Amino acid sequence: MSFWDEWFKRFWRGRGFFPDIERLMEEMEKDMAKMFKDMEKELPDETSKVTRLPDGSIRRQYGLFV
């Protein structure tokens, strides 16, 4: 085992170098995902277009936003 393998095994232990920053980043990602979901629900019908593709899947396109 190399020096770095041993070092990571001893110090990393799955918690990361900056656990507080990693926790804040995870919270921010969750909050942003929730905001995008909420924003998608509130879009007026004129700004989105739903089309069914020949293979049966559905594609949602969003209009121009200024």
Protein backbone atom coordinates (compact mmCIF):
# COMPACT_ATOMS: atom_id res chain seq x y z
CA MET A 1 0.00 0.00 0.00
CA SER A 2 1.34 3.42 -0.94
CA PHE A 3 1.83 6.36 1.40
CA TRP A 4 -1.24 8.14 -0.02
CA ASP A 5 -3.44 5.06 0.26
CA GLU A 6 -2.50 4.78 3.91
CA TRP A 7 -3.01 8.51 4.48
CA PHE A 8 -6.49 8.50 2.93
CA LYS A 9 -7.40 5.36 4.87
CA ARG A 10 -6.38 7.01 8.13
CA PHE A 11 -7.75 10.53 7.62
CA TRP A 12 -10.61 10.29 5.12
CA ARG A 13 -12.79 7.58 6.70
CA GLY A 14 -15.76 8.64 4.55
CA ARG A 15 -16.29 11.99 6.23
CA GLY A 16 -14.45 14.23 3.79
CA PHE A 17 -11.93 16.95 4.43
CA PHE A 18 -14.50 19.67 5.09
CA PRO A 19 -17.66 18.01 6.42
CA ASP A 20 -19.40 21.30 7.23
CA ILE A 21 -18.89 22.64 3.72
CA GLU A 22 -20.00 19.35 2.19
CA ARG A 23 -23.14 19.39 4.36
CA LEU A 24 -23.90 22.98 3.30
CA MET A 25 -23.41 22.07 -0.36
CA GLU A 26 -25.80 19.12 -0.05
CA GLU A 27 -28.41 21.34 1.60
CA MET A 28 -27.99 23.96 -1.11
CA GLU A 29 -28.41 21.32 -3.86
CA LYS A 30 -31.61 20.04 -2.21
CA ASP A 31 -32.97 23.58 -1.84
CA MET A 32 -32.20 24.43 -5.46
CA ALA A 33 -33.83 21.22 -6.71
CA LYS A 34 -36.94 22.06 -4.68
CA MET A 35 -36.99 25.62 -6.07
CA PHE A 36 -36.74 24.36 -9.65
CA LYS A 37 -39.58 21.88 -9.06
CA ASP A 38 -41.73 24.62 -7.54
CA MET A 39 -40.90 26.99 -10.38
CA GLU A 40 -41.83 24.34 -12.95
CA LYS A 41 -45.27 23.98 -11.34
CA GLU A 42 -45.90 27.73 -11.51
CA LEU A 43 -44.98 28.23 -15.17
CA PRO A 44 -47.83 29.54 -17.30
CA ASP A 45 -48.97 27.27 -20.11
CA GLU A 46 -47.66 29.67 -22.79
CA THR A 47 -44.06 29.18 -21.69
CA SER A 48 -43.97 25.41 -22.01
CA LYS A 49 -44.71 22.99 -24.81
CA VAL A 50 -45.21 19.27 -24.42
CA THR A 51 -44.65 17.02 -27.42
CA ARG A 52 -44.92 13.28 -27.75
CA LEU A 53 -42.07 11.77 -29.74
CA PRO A 54 -42.54 8.87 -32.20
CA ASP A 55 -41.03 6.41 -29.71
CA GLY A 56 -43.79 7.30 -27.20
CA SER A 57 -41.68 9.37 -24.84
CA ILE A 58 -42.68 12.88 -23.83
CA ARG A 59 -40.46 15.92 -24.29
CA ARG A 60 -41.12 19.16 -22.46
CA GLN A 61 -39.71 22.37 -23.92
CA TYR A 62 -39.69 25.69 -22.14
CA GLY A 63 -40.05 28.98 -23.96
CA LEU A 64 -37.91 32.07 -24.07
CA PHE A 65 -37.37 33.85 -20.80
CA VAL A 66 -36.13 37.39 -20.65
